[in-house]
All heavy atoms as atom14 arrays in JSON, in Angstrom:
{
  "sequence": "GGYQLIVNRKKKFHSLLFSLYMIRTIREQYPKQFAYHQGI",
  "atom14_mask": [
    [1, 1, 1, 1, 0, 0, 0, 0, 0, 0, 0, 0, 0, 0],
    [1, 1, 1, 1, 0, 0, 0, 0, 0, 0, 0, 0, 0, 0],
    [1, 1, 1, 1, 1, 1, 1, 1, 1, 1, 1, 1, 0, 0],
    [1, 1, 1, 1, 1, 1, 1, 1, 1, 0, 0, 0, 0, 0],
    [1, 1, 1, 1, 1, 1, 1, 1, 0, 0, 0, 0, 0, 0],
    [1, 1, 1, 1, 1, 1, 1, 1, 0, 0, 0, 0, 0, 0],
    [1, 1, 1, 1, 1, 1, 1, 0, 0, 0, 0, 0, 0, 0],
    [1, 1, 1, 1, 1, 1, 1, 1, 0, 0, 0, 0, 0, 0],
    [1, 1, 1, 1, 1, 1, 1, 1, 1, 1, 1, 0, 0, 0],
    [1, 1, 1, 1, 1, 1, 1, 1, 1, 0, 0, 0, 0, 0],
    [1, 1, 1, 1, 1, 1, 1, 1, 1, 0, 0, 0, 0, 0],
    [1, 1, 1, 1, 1, 1, 1, 1, 1, 0, 0, 0, 0, 0],
    [1, 1, 1, 1, 1, 1, 1, 1, 1, 1, 1, 0, 0, 0],
    [1, 1, 1, 1, 1, 1, 1, 1, 1, 1, 0, 0, 0, 0],
    [1, 1, 1, 1, 1, 1, 0, 0, 0, 0, 0, 0, 0, 0],
    [1, 1, 1, 1, 1, 1, 1, 1, 0, 0, 0, 0, 0, 0],
    [1, 1, 1, 1, 1, 1, 1, 1, 0, 0, 0, 0, 0, 0],
    [1, 1, 1, 1, 1, 1, 1, 1, 1, 1, 1, 0, 0, 0],
    [1, 1, 1, 1, 1, 1, 0, 0, 0, 0, 0, 0, 0, 0],
    [1, 1, 1, 1, 1, 1, 1, 1, 0, 0, 0, 0, 0, 0],
    [1, 1, 1, 1, 1, 1, 1, 1, 1, 1, 1, 1, 0, 0],
    [1, 1, 1, 1, 1, 1, 1, 1, 0, 0, 0, 0, 0, 0],
    [1, 1, 1, 1, 1, 1, 1, 1, 0, 0, 0, 0, 0, 0],
    [1, 1, 1, 1, 1, 1, 1, 1, 1, 1, 1, 0, 0, 0],
    [1, 1, 1, 1, 1, 1, 1, 0, 0, 0, 0, 0, 0, 0],
    [1, 1, 1, 1, 1, 1, 1, 1, 0, 0, 0, 0, 0, 0],
    [1, 1, 1, 1, 1, 1, 1, 1, 1, 1, 1, 0, 0, 0],
    [1, 1, 1, 1, 1, 1, 1, 1, 1, 0, 0, 0, 0, 0],
    [1, 1, 1, 1, 1, 1, 1, 1, 1, 0, 0, 0, 0, 0],
    [1, 1, 1, 1, 1, 1, 1, 1, 1, 1, 1, 1, 0, 0],
    [1, 1, 1, 1, 1, 1, 1, 0, 0, 0, 0, 0, 0, 0],
    [1, 1, 1, 1, 1, 1, 1, 1, 1, 0, 0, 0, 0, 0],
    [1, 1, 1, 1, 1, 1, 1, 1, 1, 0, 0, 0, 0, 0],
    [1, 1, 1, 1, 1, 1, 1, 1, 1, 1, 1, 0, 0, 0],
    [1, 1, 1, 1, 1, 0, 0, 0, 0, 0, 0, 0, 0, 0],
    [1, 1, 1, 1, 1, 1, 1, 1, 1, 1, 1, 1, 0, 0],
    [1, 1, 1, 1, 1, 1, 1, 1, 1, 1, 0, 0, 0, 0],
    [1, 1, 1, 1, 1, 1, 1, 1, 1, 0, 0, 0, 0, 0],
    [1, 1, 1, 1, 0, 0, 0, 0, 0, 0, 0, 0, 0, 0],
    [1, 1, 1, 1, 1, 1, 1, 1, 0, 0, 0, 0, 0, 0]
  ],
  "atom14_positions": [
    [[6.3, 2.15, -15.25], [5.98, 1.07, -14.32], [4.77, 0.31, -14.82], [3.91, 0.84, -15.49], [0.0, 0.0, 0.0], [0.0, 0.0, 0.0], [0.0, 0.0, 0.0], [0.0, 0.0, 0.0], [0.0, 0.0, 0.0], [0.0, 0.0, 0.0], [0.0, 0.0, 0.0], [0.0, 0.0, 0.0], [0.0, 0.0, 0.0], [0.0, 0.0, 0.0]],
    [[4.78, -1.0, -14.57], [3.69, -1.78, -15.09], [3.82, -3.27, -14.76], [4.47, -3.62, -13.76], [0.0, 0.0, 0.0], [0.0, 0.0, 0.0], [0.0, 0.0, 0.0], [0.0, 0.0, 0.0], [0.0, 0.0, 0.0], [0.0, 0.0, 0.0], [0.0, 0.0, 0.0], [0.0, 0.0, 0.0], [0.0, 0.0, 0.0], [0.0, 0.0, 0.0]],
    [[3.29, -4.13, -15.61], [3.13, -5.49, -15.29], [3.22, -6.32, -16.61], [2.94, -5.86, -17.7], [1.82, -5.87, -14.64], [1.51, -4.94, -13.43], [0.79, -3.79, -13.57], [1.95, -5.3, -12.18], [0.52, -2.99, -12.52], [1.7, -4.51, -11.08], [0.99, -3.34, -11.21], [0.68, -2.54, -10.15], [0.0, 0.0, 0.0], [0.0, 0.0, 0.0]],
    [[3.7, -7.59, -16.4], [3.51, -8.59, -17.45], [2.34, -9.48, -17.1], [2.29, -9.98, -15.97], [4.76, -9.44, -17.6], [4.61, -10.5, -18.73], [5.78, -11.46, -18.76], [6.82, -11.32, -18.08], [5.66, -12.49, -19.62], [0.0, 0.0, 0.0], [0.0, 0.0, 0.0], [0.0, 0.0, 0.0], [0.0, 0.0, 0.0], [0.0, 0.0, 0.0]],
    [[1.42, -9.57, -18.02], [0.21, -10.4, -17.81], [0.53, -11.83, -18.31], [0.74, -12.07, -19.5], [-0.96, -9.8, -18.58], [-2.27, -10.57, -18.59], [-2.82, -10.85, -17.24], [-3.3, -9.82, -19.45], [0.0, 0.0, 0.0], [0.0, 0.0, 0.0], [0.0, 0.0, 0.0], [0.0, 0.0, 0.0], [0.0, 0.0, 0.0], [0.0, 0.0, 0.0]],
    [[0.57, -12.75, -17.34], [0.98, -14.16, -17.67], [-0.26, -15.01, -17.45], [-0.71, -15.18, -16.3], [2.11, -14.63, -16.78], [3.36, -13.73, -16.94], [2.5, -16.07, -17.13], [4.44, -14.0, -15.94], [0.0, 0.0, 0.0], [0.0, 0.0, 0.0], [0.0, 0.0, 0.0], [0.0, 0.0, 0.0], [0.0, 0.0, 0.0], [0.0, 0.0, 0.0]],
    [[-0.84, -15.51, -18.56], [-2.07, -16.31, -18.47], [-1.64, -17.8, -18.22], [-0.86, -18.39, -19.01], [-2.9, -16.21, -19.75], [-4.12, -17.09, -19.66], [-3.27, -14.76, -19.98], [0.0, 0.0, 0.0], [0.0, 0.0, 0.0], [0.0, 0.0, 0.0], [0.0, 0.0, 0.0], [0.0, 0.0, 0.0], [0.0, 0.0, 0.0], [0.0, 0.0, 0.0]],
    [[-2.18, -18.36, -17.14], [-1.84, -19.8, -16.88], [-3.05, -20.73, -16.98], [-2.9, -21.9, -16.86], [-1.17, -19.9, -15.52], [-1.98, -19.28, -14.35], [-3.17, -19.13, -14.51], [-1.29, -18.93, -13.3], [0.0, 0.0, 0.0], [0.0, 0.0, 0.0], [0.0, 0.0, 0.0], [0.0, 0.0, 0.0], [0.0, 0.0, 0.0], [0.0, 0.0, 0.0]],
    [[-4.22, -20.18, -17.2], [-5.41, -21.01, -17.49], [-6.13, -20.37, -18.67], [-7.14, -19.66, -18.54], [-6.3, -21.05, -16.23], [-5.62, -21.76, -15.06], [-6.56, -21.91, -13.89], [-7.69, -22.81, -14.17], [-8.73, -23.03, -13.37], [-8.83, -22.3, -12.23], [-9.69, -23.89, -13.69], [0.0, 0.0, 0.0], [0.0, 0.0, 0.0], [0.0, 0.0, 0.0]],
    [[-5.57, -20.7, -19.86], [-6.09, -20.09, -21.07], [-7.57, -20.26, -21.37], [-8.28, -19.4, -21.87], [-5.24, -20.47, -22.27], [-3.79, -20.04, -22.16], [-3.0, -20.61, -23.37], [-1.53, -20.13, -23.28], [-0.7, -20.74, -24.35], [0.0, 0.0, 0.0], [0.0, 0.0, 0.0], [0.0, 0.0, 0.0], [0.0, 0.0, 0.0], [0.0, 0.0, 0.0]],
    [[-8.04, -21.47, -21.05], [-9.47, -21.76, -21.38], [-10.41, -21.07, -20.41], [-11.59, -20.96, -20.7], [-9.66, -23.28, -21.31], [-9.0, -24.02, -22.5], [-9.34, -25.49, -22.5], [-8.68, -26.22, -23.66], [-9.01, -27.63, -23.71], [0.0, 0.0, 0.0], [0.0, 0.0, 0.0], [0.0, 0.0, 0.0], [0.0, 0.0, 0.0], [0.0, 0.0, 0.0]],
    [[-9.94, -20.64, -19.27], [-10.79, -20.0, -18.27], [-10.65, -18.48, -18.25], [-11.59, -17.78, -17.9], [-10.48, -20.54, -16.86], [-10.79, -22.02, -16.65], [-12.32, -22.26, -16.65], [-12.64, -23.77, -16.36], [-14.1, -23.95, -16.31], [0.0, 0.0, 0.0], [0.0, 0.0, 0.0], [0.0, 0.0, 0.0], [0.0, 0.0, 0.0], [0.0, 0.0, 0.0]],
    [[-9.51, -17.98, -18.65], [-9.21, -16.55, -18.54], [-10.09, -15.75, -19.49], [-10.2, -16.04, -20.67], [-7.73, -16.29, -18.81], [-7.35, -14.84, -18.72], [-7.4, -14.14, -17.57], [-6.87, -14.21, -19.88], [-7.03, -12.83, -17.49], [-6.49, -12.9, -19.81], [-6.54, -12.19, -18.62], [0.0, 0.0, 0.0], [0.0, 0.0, 0.0], [0.0, 0.0, 0.0]],
    [[-10.68, -14.68, -18.96], [-11.51, -13.79, -19.77], [-10.79, -12.47, -19.9], [-10.82, -11.57, -19.02], [-12.86, -13.57, -19.05], [-13.94, -13.03, -19.93], [-13.88, -11.77, -20.47], [-15.13, -13.54, -20.33], [-15.01, -11.59, -21.16], [-15.82, -12.63, -21.11], [0.0, 0.0, 0.0], [0.0, 0.0, 0.0], [0.0, 0.0, 0.0], [0.0, 0.0, 0.0]],
    [[-10.06, -12.35, -21.01], [-9.21, -11.16, -21.21], [-9.94, -9.83, -21.18], [-9.49, -8.87, -20.57], [-8.49, -11.31, -22.56], [-7.69, -10.16, -22.81], [0.0, 0.0, 0.0], [0.0, 0.0, 0.0], [0.0, 0.0, 0.0], [0.0, 0.0, 0.0], [0.0, 0.0, 0.0], [0.0, 0.0, 0.0], [0.0, 0.0, 0.0], [0.0, 0.0, 0.0]],
    [[-11.13, -9.78, -21.77], [-11.86, -8.53, -21.87], [-12.31, -8.05, -20.46], [-12.17, -6.9, -20.14], [-13.06, -8.67, -22.77], [-13.87, -7.45, -23.06], [-13.05, -6.34, -23.71], [-15.07, -7.75, -23.9], [0.0, 0.0, 0.0], [0.0, 0.0, 0.0], [0.0, 0.0, 0.0], [0.0, 0.0, 0.0], [0.0, 0.0, 0.0], [0.0, 0.0, 0.0]],
    [[-12.8, -8.99, -19.65], [-13.21, -8.59, -18.31], [-12.02, -8.1, -17.49], [-12.14, -7.11, -16.76], [-13.86, -9.79, -17.59], [-15.35, -10.08, -17.94], [-15.77, -11.38, -17.33], [-16.24, -8.91, -17.43], [0.0, 0.0, 0.0], [0.0, 0.0, 0.0], [0.0, 0.0, 0.0], [0.0, 0.0, 0.0], [0.0, 0.0, 0.0], [0.0, 0.0, 0.0]],
    [[-10.93, -8.74, -17.58], [-9.74, -8.34, -16.87], [-9.34, -6.93, -17.29], [-9.06, -6.07, -16.43], [-8.53, -9.27, -17.1], [-7.23, -8.66, -16.57], [-6.96, -8.67, -15.23], [-6.35, -8.07, -17.48], [-5.76, -8.07, -14.79], [-5.2, -7.46, -17.01], [-4.89, -7.47, -15.67], [0.0, 0.0, 0.0], [0.0, 0.0, 0.0], [0.0, 0.0, 0.0]],
    [[-9.23, -6.68, -18.59], [-8.7, -5.38, -19.04], [-9.66, -4.29, -18.69], [-9.16, -3.16, -18.35], [-8.45, -5.46, -20.59], [-7.47, -6.42, -20.88], [0.0, 0.0, 0.0], [0.0, 0.0, 0.0], [0.0, 0.0, 0.0], [0.0, 0.0, 0.0], [0.0, 0.0, 0.0], [0.0, 0.0, 0.0], [0.0, 0.0, 0.0], [0.0, 0.0, 0.0]],
    [[-10.95, -4.47, -18.79], [-11.92, -3.43, -18.37], [-11.82, -3.14, -16.92], [-11.77, -1.99, -16.5], [-13.33, -3.84, -18.76], [-13.67, -3.9, -20.24], [-14.95, -4.59, -20.52], [-13.74, -2.46, -20.8], [0.0, 0.0, 0.0], [0.0, 0.0, 0.0], [0.0, 0.0, 0.0], [0.0, 0.0, 0.0], [0.0, 0.0, 0.0], [0.0, 0.0, 0.0]],
    [[-11.71, -4.17, -16.09], [-11.56, -4.02, -14.66], [-10.23, -3.27, -14.39], [-10.17, -2.38, -13.52], [-11.55, -5.4, -13.97], [-11.25, -5.41, -12.5], [-12.26, -5.09, -11.64], [-9.98, -5.71, -12.03], [-12.0, -5.1, -10.19], [-9.72, -5.72, -10.69], [-10.7, -5.4, -9.79], [-10.46, -5.42, -8.42], [0.0, 0.0, 0.0], [0.0, 0.0, 0.0]],
    [[-9.15, -3.68, -15.06], [-7.85, -3.05, -14.85], [-7.86, -1.54, -15.23], [-7.37, -0.7, -14.5], [-6.79, -3.83, -15.67], [-5.42, -3.22, -15.57], [-5.03, -2.09, -16.91], [-5.02, -3.22, -18.33], [0.0, 0.0, 0.0], [0.0, 0.0, 0.0], [0.0, 0.0, 0.0], [0.0, 0.0, 0.0], [0.0, 0.0, 0.0], [0.0, 0.0, 0.0]],
    [[-8.48, -1.2, -16.42], [-8.51, 0.17, -16.83], [-9.25, 1.01, -15.84], [-8.83, 2.15, -15.45], [-9.1, 0.25, -18.25], [-8.19, -0.34, -19.3], [-9.43, 1.74, -18.6], [-8.83, -0.48, -20.64], [0.0, 0.0, 0.0], [0.0, 0.0, 0.0], [0.0, 0.0, 0.0], [0.0, 0.0, 0.0], [0.0, 0.0, 0.0], [0.0, 0.0, 0.0]],
    [[-10.4, 0.56, -15.41], [-11.21, 1.31, -14.43], [-10.42, 1.45, -13.11], [-10.44, 2.57, -12.48], [-12.53, 0.61, -14.2], [-13.4, 1.29, -13.14], [-14.83, 0.82, -13.22], [-15.51, 0.99, -11.95], [-16.85, 0.82, -11.76], [-17.61, 0.44, -12.82], [-17.4, 0.99, -10.57], [0.0, 0.0, 0.0], [0.0, 0.0, 0.0], [0.0, 0.0, 0.0]],
    [[-9.74, 0.42, -12.69], [-8.97, 0.45, -11.43], [-7.8, 1.48, -11.54], [-7.59, 2.28, -10.6], [-8.47, -0.95, -11.08], [-9.55, -1.86, -10.93], [-7.69, -0.91, -9.77], [0.0, 0.0, 0.0], [0.0, 0.0, 0.0], [0.0, 0.0, 0.0], [0.0, 0.0, 0.0], [0.0, 0.0, 0.0], [0.0, 0.0, 0.0], [0.0, 0.0, 0.0]],
    [[-7.09, 1.43, -12.61], [-5.95, 2.32, -12.85], [-6.48, 3.77, -12.88], [-5.86, 4.68, -12.32], [-5.18, 2.01, -14.17], [-4.52, 0.63, -14.06], [-4.15, 3.06, -14.48], [-3.41, 0.5, -13.08], [0.0, 0.0, 0.0], [0.0, 0.0, 0.0], [0.0, 0.0, 0.0], [0.0, 0.0, 0.0], [0.0, 0.0, 0.0], [0.0, 0.0, 0.0]],
    [[-7.56, 3.97, -13.54], [-8.14, 5.3, -13.64], [-8.54, 5.84, -12.25], [-8.33, 7.02, -11.94], [-9.38, 5.29, -14.59], [-9.97, 6.65, -14.82], [-11.2, 6.6, -15.65], [-11.72, 7.9, -15.95], [-12.99, 8.18, -16.27], [-13.85, 7.21, -16.38], [-13.37, 9.41, -16.5], [0.0, 0.0, 0.0], [0.0, 0.0, 0.0], [0.0, 0.0, 0.0]],
    [[-9.09, 4.95, -11.41], [-9.43, 5.35, -10.05], [-8.23, 5.62, -9.18], [-8.21, 6.54, -8.34], [-10.35, 4.28, -9.4], [-11.72, 4.16, -10.08], [-12.47, 2.92, -9.58], [-11.9, 2.04, -8.93], [-13.66, 2.84, -9.96], [0.0, 0.0, 0.0], [0.0, 0.0, 0.0], [0.0, 0.0, 0.0], [0.0, 0.0, 0.0], [0.0, 0.0, 0.0]],
    [[-7.11, 4.84, -9.39], [-5.94, 5.02, -8.61], [-5.11, 6.22, -9.02], [-4.5, 6.86, -8.18], [-5.06, 3.75, -8.83], [-5.6, 2.48, -8.12], [-5.18, 2.41, -6.65], [-4.08, 2.81, -6.3], [-6.06, 1.89, -5.84], [0.0, 0.0, 0.0], [0.0, 0.0, 0.0], [0.0, 0.0, 0.0], [0.0, 0.0, 0.0], [0.0, 0.0, 0.0]],
    [[-5.18, 6.56, -10.34], [-4.4, 7.71, -10.86], [-5.31, 8.64, -11.66], [-5.11, 8.8, -12.87], [-3.26, 7.14, -11.75], [-2.33, 6.2, -11.04], [-2.47, 4.82, -11.14], [-1.28, 6.69, -10.21], [-1.58, 3.97, -10.47], [-0.38, 5.89, -9.55], [-0.59, 4.48, -9.69], [0.27, 3.63, -9.0], [0.0, 0.0, 0.0], [0.0, 0.0, 0.0]],
    [[-6.27, 9.27, -10.99], [-7.23, 10.08, -11.71], [-6.67, 11.3, -12.43], [-7.21, 11.76, -13.43], [-8.21, 10.51, -10.57], [-7.43, 10.41, -9.32], [-6.46, 9.27, -9.52], [0.0, 0.0, 0.0], [0.0, 0.0, 0.0], [0.0, 0.0, 0.0], [0.0, 0.0, 0.0], [0.0, 0.0, 0.0], [0.0, 0.0, 0.0], [0.0, 0.0, 0.0]],
    [[-5.56, 11.82, -11.91], [-4.97, 13.04, -12.53], [-4.05, 12.67, -13.71], [-3.83, 13.45, -14.59], [-4.22, 13.85, -11.49], [-5.08, 14.45, -10.4], [-4.28, 15.3, -9.47], [-5.18, 15.92, -8.39], [-4.42, 16.72, -7.42], [0.0, 0.0, 0.0], [0.0, 0.0, 0.0], [0.0, 0.0, 0.0], [0.0, 0.0, 0.0], [0.0, 0.0, 0.0]],
    [[-3.46, 11.47, -13.65], [-2.51, 11.11, -14.73], [-3.12, 10.28, -15.87], [-2.73, 10.39, -17.03], [-1.33, 10.3, -14.11], [-0.5, 11.09, -13.12], [-0.93, 10.78, -11.66], [-2.1, 10.5, -11.41], [0.05, 10.85, -10.76], [0.0, 0.0, 0.0], [0.0, 0.0, 0.0], [0.0, 0.0, 0.0], [0.0, 0.0, 0.0], [0.0, 0.0, 0.0]],
    [[-4.1, 9.43, -15.48], [-4.74, 8.58, -16.54], [-5.57, 9.44, -17.47], [-6.23, 10.42, -17.08], [-5.62, 7.56, -15.87], [-6.4, 6.71, -16.84], [-5.86, 5.53, -17.33], [-7.64, 7.06, -17.34], [-6.58, 4.76, -18.3], [-8.32, 6.34, -18.28], [-7.81, 5.15, -18.74], [0.0, 0.0, 0.0], [0.0, 0.0, 0.0], [0.0, 0.0, 0.0]],
    [[-5.59, 9.07, -18.73], [-6.4, 9.79, -19.72], [-6.73, 8.87, -20.89], [-6.02, 7.9, -21.16], [-5.67, 11.01, -20.23], [0.0, 0.0, 0.0], [0.0, 0.0, 0.0], [0.0, 0.0, 0.0], [0.0, 0.0, 0.0], [0.0, 0.0, 0.0], [0.0, 0.0, 0.0], [0.0, 0.0, 0.0], [0.0, 0.0, 0.0], [0.0, 0.0, 0.0]],
    [[-7.83, 9.16, -21.56], [-8.17, 8.42, -22.75], [-7.49, 9.13, -24.02], [-7.36, 10.34, -23.99], [-9.7, 8.33, -22.96], [-10.37, 7.48, -22.01], [-11.31, 7.97, -21.04], [-10.14, 6.09, -22.0], [-11.89, 7.1, -20.12], [-10.74, 5.26, -21.13], [-11.63, 5.71, -20.17], [-12.24, 4.94, -19.29], [0.0, 0.0, 0.0], [0.0, 0.0, 0.0]],
    [[-7.2, 8.34, -25.01], [-6.59, 8.88, -26.2], [-7.62, 9.77, -26.92], [-8.79, 9.45, -27.06], [-6.24, 7.69, -27.14], [-5.82, 8.07, -28.49], [-4.55, 8.51, -28.76], [-6.49, 8.11, -29.67], [-4.45, 8.83, -30.07], [-5.63, 8.55, -30.64], [0.0, 0.0, 0.0], [0.0, 0.0, 0.0], [0.0, 0.0, 0.0], [0.0, 0.0, 0.0]],
    [[-7.12, 10.9, -27.38], [-7.96, 11.82, -28.13], [-7.41, 11.95, -29.57], [-6.25, 11.66, -29.8], [-7.96, 13.2, -27.43], [-8.45, 13.17, -26.0], [-9.9, 12.73, -25.89], [-10.73, 13.1, -26.68], [-10.17, 11.92, -24.83], [0.0, 0.0, 0.0], [0.0, 0.0, 0.0], [0.0, 0.0, 0.0], [0.0, 0.0, 0.0], [0.0, 0.0, 0.0]],
    [[-8.23, 12.38, -30.45], [-7.85, 12.54, -31.87], [-8.19, 11.46, -32.76], [-8.93, 10.51, -32.35], [0.0, 0.0, 0.0], [0.0, 0.0, 0.0], [0.0, 0.0, 0.0], [0.0, 0.0, 0.0], [0.0, 0.0, 0.0], [0.0, 0.0, 0.0], [0.0, 0.0, 0.0], [0.0, 0.0, 0.0], [0.0, 0.0, 0.0], [0.0, 0.0, 0.0]],
    [[-7.74, 11.5, -33.96], [-8.11, 10.55, -35.0], [-7.59, 9.14, -34.63], [-6.43, 8.96, -34.24], [-7.6, 10.94, -36.38], [-8.26, 12.26, -36.82], [-7.83, 9.88, -37.42], [-7.7, 12.81, -38.07], [0.0, 0.0, 0.0], [0.0, 0.0, 0.0], [0.0, 0.0, 0.0], [0.0, 0.0, 0.0], [0.0, 0.0, 0.0], [0.0, 0.0, 0.0]]
  ]
}
């Protein structure tokens, strides 16, 4: 399950801020399933 990210205002959109906010939100919503990559 997921989403397609469709940018409609390229000059205004801040990709990094969105992705950090999204990762933190997903982690909070799914604390038992979400994980960070481990290993090399």
